[in-house]
Amino acid sequence: MSIIQIILIALFIYLGSIGSIVGNTIGWYTLGRPLVASFVVGVILGDVNTAMTVGIPLQIMYMGNVTPGGAVAWDLSYATYIGTAAAIVFGQGMDTTGVIGLAVVFAGIGGLVGQIAWNVSYALNLPINRVAQRYADEGNTKKMYIPNVVLGQAIGFACRFIPAVLILSSATAASGQADFATIIPSWVTTMLSVFGGMMAALGMGIILSFLIKKKYQFAIYLVGFILVTYFQLNTMAIAVIGVLVAVIYYAVITSLQEKEAN
């Protein structure tokens, strides 16, 4: 990665955080989502294919992540941007499951760093409350933007941008020493491949637990699985079939409900 690429990724790590300058809707709930973050990294590093290969399972894995009461147990923005960047940098020569496993490992590291950065940011913001309180007591509303915008954003930017630059720079330096795929033992590569497949399956299980409300709905899922596995249909064809089935199902159910009402 070049220094420009490192700076851009680190900047998006900040923009994808809670309370960034672009707001939660554009930031945390858009740029901070794994699928969007992976695409951004892919564009910056010039490898969208690999980025989306790891972005989809990361999105599925973290689908159930929540932040109750503002408590961030795992920083999605940090995890995905770092994990995807590492997968692209170090994943040359690996198969798909190996690259996904590699992304998962580095995403775990990034998520932990992001969690620490978030807690540090919380702590550093405490004194700002006193500054805001002083301006409030003075009735000086013209200066309220200083603690709320300038100081708050400066702390958030520093806590996320600087560690991200350090991590990405270290990864770049390590990748320049040797081919990552050749210096690690084969058993580690195998472990990463298995782990990546397990995490993708776990994420899919989390999604199904949210979507499937009745037992017969498993049959619908299995139909799609069979169409992919045995009939070799692509996702677009299955999506079209799914839409047609949904329309027919809705029409039939609506008709039966109208007859019952009459």
Protein backbone atom coordinates (compact mmCIF):
# COMPACT_ATOMS: atom_id res chain seq x y z
CA MET A 1 0.00 0.00 0.00
CA SER A 2 1.19 3.49 -0.80
CA ILE A 3 1.06 6.27 1.77
CA ILE A 4 -1.90 7.81 -0.08
CA GLN A 5 -3.82 4.52 0.08
CA ILE A 6 -3.03 4.15 3.78
CA ILE A 7 -4.25 7.69 4.50
CA LEU A 8 -7.45 7.18 2.50
CA ILE A 9 -8.31 3.90 4.26
CA ALA A 10 -7.54 5.41 7.67
CA LEU A 11 -9.72 8.40 6.80
CA PHE A 12 -12.66 6.13 5.95
CA ILE A 13 -12.10 4.23 9.21
CA TYR A 14 -12.74 7.54 10.96
CA LEU A 15 -15.68 8.50 8.73
CA GLY A 16 -17.30 5.11 9.33
CA SER A 17 -17.35 5.56 13.10
CA ILE A 18 -20.17 6.59 15.41
CA GLY A 19 -20.37 10.37 15.64
CA SER A 20 -18.01 11.17 12.77
CA ILE A 21 -18.28 14.49 10.95
CA VAL A 22 -20.56 12.99 8.27
CA GLY A 23 -23.09 11.80 10.86
CA ASN A 24 -24.31 8.37 11.91
CA THR A 25 -26.52 7.75 8.85
CA ILE A 26 -23.75 8.25 6.31
CA GLY A 27 -20.97 7.18 8.67
CA TRP A 28 -21.71 4.32 11.06
CA TYR A 29 -24.76 2.96 9.24
CA THR A 30 -23.32 3.25 5.72
CA LEU A 31 -19.54 3.65 5.48
CA GLY A 32 -19.13 1.57 8.63
CA ARG A 33 -21.02 -1.45 7.27
CA PRO A 34 -18.74 -4.32 6.22
CA LEU A 35 -20.04 -4.63 2.67
CA VAL A 36 -19.67 -0.91 1.93
CA ALA A 37 -16.32 -0.73 3.75
CA SER A 38 -14.93 -3.66 1.76
CA PHE A 39 -16.00 -2.05 -1.50
CA VAL A 40 -14.30 1.22 -0.52
CA VAL A 41 -11.06 -0.61 0.34
CA GLY A 42 -11.26 -2.54 -2.93
CA VAL A 43 -11.57 0.69 -4.92
CA ILE A 44 -8.67 2.30 -3.05
CA LEU A 45 -6.38 -0.73 -3.42
CA GLY A 46 -7.54 -1.59 -6.93
CA ASP A 47 -8.84 -5.07 -6.13
CA VAL A 48 -12.62 -4.90 -5.81
CA ASN A 49 -13.03 -8.60 -6.57
CA THR A 50 -11.01 -9.77 -3.54
CA ALA A 51 -12.53 -7.03 -1.40
CA MET A 52 -16.10 -8.14 -2.12
CA THR A 53 -15.09 -11.80 -1.71
CA VAL A 54 -14.23 -11.10 1.92
CA GLY A 55 -16.78 -8.31 2.39
CA ILE A 56 -19.82 -10.51 1.91
CA PRO A 57 -18.92 -13.07 4.62
CA LEU A 58 -17.81 -10.27 6.95
CA GLN A 59 -21.17 -8.58 6.45
CA ILE A 60 -22.93 -11.87 7.21
CA MET A 61 -20.74 -12.57 10.26
CA TYR A 62 -21.36 -9.20 11.88
CA MET A 63 -25.05 -9.05 10.96
CA GLY A 64 -26.02 -9.64 14.58
CA ASN A 65 -23.67 -7.04 16.03
CA VAL A 66 -25.48 -4.46 18.16
CA THR A 67 -24.38 -1.52 20.31
CA PRO A 68 -26.71 -1.53 23.34
CA GLY A 69 -26.59 1.78 25.18
CA GLY A 70 -23.70 2.96 23.02
CA ALA A 71 -21.44 0.15 24.24
CA VAL A 72 -19.25 -0.94 21.33
CA ALA A 73 -18.23 -4.56 21.86
CA TRP A 74 -16.63 -4.84 18.43
CA ASP A 75 -15.83 -1.99 16.09
CA LEU A 76 -17.22 -2.94 12.68
CA SER A 77 -15.57 -0.05 10.86
CA TYR A 78 -12.09 -0.84 12.14
CA ALA A 79 -12.59 -4.59 11.75
CA THR A 80 -13.73 -4.51 8.13
CA TYR A 81 -11.37 -1.88 6.76
CA ILE A 82 -8.33 -3.50 8.41
CA GLY A 83 -9.46 -7.05 7.62
CA THR A 84 -10.17 -6.34 3.95
CA ALA A 85 -6.95 -4.39 3.45
CA ALA A 86 -4.91 -7.19 5.05
CA ALA A 87 -6.65 -9.82 2.93
CA ILE A 88 -5.74 -7.95 -0.25
CA VAL A 89 -2.16 -7.28 0.83
CA PHE A 90 -1.33 -10.70 2.29
CA GLY A 91 -3.80 -12.95 0.48
CA GLN A 92 -1.91 -13.30 -2.79
CA GLY A 93 -1.62 -16.98 -3.69
CA MET A 94 -4.32 -18.15 -1.27
CA ASP A 95 -7.62 -19.73 -2.21
CA THR A 96 -10.94 -18.05 -1.46
CA THR A 97 -11.54 -19.65 1.95
CA GLY A 98 -7.97 -18.88 2.97
CA VAL A 99 -8.36 -15.22 2.06
CA ILE A 100 -11.65 -15.08 3.97
CA GLY A 101 -10.01 -16.69 6.99
CA LEU A 102 -7.15 -14.20 6.78
CA ALA A 103 -9.62 -11.33 6.63
CA VAL A 104 -11.46 -12.70 9.67
CA VAL A 105 -8.25 -12.90 11.72
CA PHE A 106 -7.16 -9.35 10.86
CA ALA A 107 -10.73 -8.12 11.29
CA GLY A 108 -10.58 -9.46 14.83
CA ILE A 109 -7.39 -7.51 15.44
CA GLY A 110 -8.86 -4.38 13.89
CA GLY A 111 -12.09 -4.73 15.83
CA LEU A 112 -10.19 -4.99 19.10
CA VAL A 113 -8.07 -1.92 18.30
CA GLY A 114 -11.23 -0.05 17.36
CA GLN A 115 -12.86 -0.99 20.65
CA ILE A 116 -9.86 0.32 22.58
CA ALA A 117 -9.81 3.49 20.49
CA TRP A 118 -13.52 4.01 21.16
CA ASN A 119 -13.06 3.67 24.92
CA VAL A 120 -10.08 6.04 24.87
CA SER A 121 -12.17 8.50 22.89
CA TYR A 122 -14.91 8.25 25.52
CA ALA A 123 -12.39 9.01 28.29
CA LEU A 124 -10.83 11.96 26.45
CA ASN A 125 -14.25 13.48 25.81
CA LEU A 126 -15.05 13.75 29.52
CA PRO A 127 -13.12 17.02 30.08
CA ILE A 128 -14.89 18.53 27.07
CA ASN A 129 -18.15 18.35 29.02
CA ARG A 130 -16.71 20.87 31.49
CA VAL A 131 -15.82 23.24 28.65
CA ALA A 132 -19.35 22.94 27.27
CA GLN A 133 -20.81 23.45 30.74
CA ARG A 134 -18.76 26.60 31.24
CA TYR A 135 -20.00 28.09 27.99
CA ALA A 136 -23.56 27.09 28.93
CA ASP A 137 -23.26 28.78 32.35
CA GLU A 138 -21.96 31.94 30.66
CA GLY A 139 -24.78 31.82 28.12
CA ASN A 140 -22.17 31.97 25.38
CA THR A 141 -23.98 29.97 22.71
CA LYS A 142 -21.71 31.23 19.92
CA LYS A 143 -18.82 29.16 21.27
CA MET A 144 -20.74 25.93 21.92
CA TYR A 145 -19.50 24.54 18.60
CA ILE A 146 -15.95 24.43 19.99
CA PRO A 147 -16.48 21.55 22.47
CA ASN A 148 -19.27 19.90 20.50
CA VAL A 149 -17.75 19.97 17.03
CA VAL A 150 -14.11 21.04 16.98
CA LEU A 151 -12.75 19.31 20.09
CA GLY A 152 -15.05 16.28 19.85
CA GLN A 153 -14.23 15.59 16.21
CA ALA A 154 -10.52 16.21 16.79
CA ILE A 155 -10.44 13.55 19.51
CA GLY A 156 -12.47 11.09 17.44
CA PHE A 157 -10.26 11.65 14.41
CA ALA A 158 -7.02 11.25 16.37
CA CYS A 159 -8.20 8.09 18.18
CA ARG A 160 -9.15 6.36 14.95
CA PHE A 161 -6.99 7.83 12.19
CA ILE A 162 -3.60 7.61 13.92
CA PRO A 163 -3.84 3.96 15.11
CA ALA A 164 -5.20 2.96 11.68
CA VAL A 165 -2.24 4.57 9.91
CA LEU A 166 0.17 2.77 12.24
CA ILE A 167 -1.49 -0.63 11.70
CA LEU A 168 -1.73 -0.24 7.93
CA SER A 169 1.85 1.02 7.70
CA SER A 170 3.08 -1.96 9.72
CA ALA A 171 1.14 -4.34 7.48
CA THR A 172 2.62 -2.70 4.39
CA ALA A 173 6.14 -2.96 5.80
CA ALA A 174 5.59 -6.63 6.68
CA SER A 175 4.24 -7.41 3.23
CA GLY A 176 7.35 -5.92 1.68
CA GLN A 177 9.65 -8.34 3.49
CA ALA A 178 8.35 -11.53 1.90
CA ASP A 179 5.33 -13.16 0.35
CA PHE A 180 2.97 -13.81 3.26
CA ALA A 181 1.63 -16.95 1.62
CA THR A 182 5.13 -18.49 1.51
CA ILE A 183 6.44 -17.61 4.97
CA ILE A 184 3.56 -19.03 7.01
CA PRO A 185 3.32 -22.80 7.64
CA SER A 186 0.86 -24.81 5.56
CA TRP A 187 -1.09 -25.83 8.66
CA VAL A 188 -1.77 -22.14 9.40
CA THR A 189 -3.13 -21.66 5.89
CA THR A 190 -5.35 -24.71 6.32
CA MET A 191 -6.56 -23.44 9.68
CA LEU A 192 -7.41 -20.05 8.18
CA SER A 193 -9.32 -21.73 5.35
CA VAL A 194 -11.36 -23.89 7.73
CA PHE A 195 -11.95 -20.98 10.10
CA GLY A 196 -13.10 -18.73 7.26
CA GLY A 197 -15.61 -21.33 6.09
CA MET A 198 -16.90 -21.85 9.64
CA MET A 199 -17.41 -18.13 10.23
CA ALA A 200 -19.28 -17.71 6.96
CA ALA A 201 -21.54 -20.63 7.93
CA LEU A 202 -22.04 -19.12 11.39
CA GLY A 203 -23.02 -15.79 9.86
CA MET A 204 -25.50 -17.49 7.55
CA GLY A 205 -26.96 -19.28 10.55
CA ILE A 206 -27.41 -15.93 12.31
CA ILE A 207 -29.26 -14.53 9.30
CA LEU A 208 -31.52 -17.58 9.06
CA SER A 209 -32.35 -17.30 12.76
CA PHE A 210 -33.67 -13.79 12.08
CA LEU A 211 -35.46 -14.54 8.82
CA ILE A 212 -37.05 -17.95 9.40
CA LYS A 213 -40.07 -17.74 11.65
CA LYS A 214 -41.76 -21.05 10.77
CA LYS A 215 -40.26 -24.47 10.11
CA TYR A 216 -41.64 -24.80 6.58
CA GLN A 217 -39.60 -21.74 5.57
CA PHE A 218 -36.47 -23.89 5.75
CA ALA A 219 -37.79 -25.63 2.62
CA ILE A 220 -37.67 -22.33 0.74
CA TYR A 221 -34.05 -21.85 1.76
CA LEU A 222 -33.19 -25.41 0.72
CA VAL A 223 -34.79 -24.86 -2.69
CA GLY A 224 -32.39 -22.00 -3.31
CA PHE A 225 -29.48 -24.10 -2.05
CA ILE A 226 -30.39 -26.94 -4.44
CA LEU A 227 -30.71 -24.53 -7.37
CA VAL A 228 -27.17 -23.32 -6.74
CA THR A 229 -25.57 -26.67 -5.91
CA TYR A 230 -27.21 -29.08 -8.34
CA PHE A 231 -28.61 -26.88 -11.11
CA GLN A 232 -25.62 -24.49 -11.16
CA LEU A 233 -27.80 -21.37 -11.43
CA ASN A 234 -26.22 -17.99 -10.73
CA THR A 235 -27.47 -15.64 -8.02
CA MET A 236 -29.26 -13.36 -10.48
CA ALA A 237 -31.36 -16.23 -11.86
CA ILE A 238 -32.23 -17.37 -8.33
CA ALA A 239 -33.12 -13.80 -7.34
CA VAL A 240 -35.54 -13.55 -10.28
CA ILE A 241 -37.10 -16.91 -9.36
CA GLY A 242 -37.39 -15.76 -5.74
CA VAL A 243 -39.18 -12.56 -6.76
CA LEU A 244 -41.62 -14.48 -8.96
CA VAL A 245 -42.37 -16.96 -6.19
CA ALA A 246 -42.86 -14.12 -3.71
CA VAL A 247 -45.32 -12.35 -6.03
CA ILE A 248 -47.32 -15.56 -6.60
CA TYR A 249 -47.29 -16.35 -2.87
CA TYR A 250 -48.50 -12.84 -2.01
CA ALA A 251 -51.27 -13.00 -4.62
CA VAL A 252 -52.50 -16.39 -3.37
CA ILE A 253 -52.43 -15.38 0.31
CA THR A 254 -54.21 -12.08 -0.42
CA SER A 255 -56.90 -13.88 -2.41
CA LEU A 256 -57.50 -16.41 0.39
CA GLN A 257 -57.72 -13.64 3.00
CA GLU A 258 -60.27 -11.75 0.90
CA LYS A 259 -62.41 -14.88 0.54
CA GLU A 260 -62.28 -15.48 4.29
CA ALA A 261 -63.25 -11.88 4.93
CA ASN A 262 -66.25 -12.19 2.65
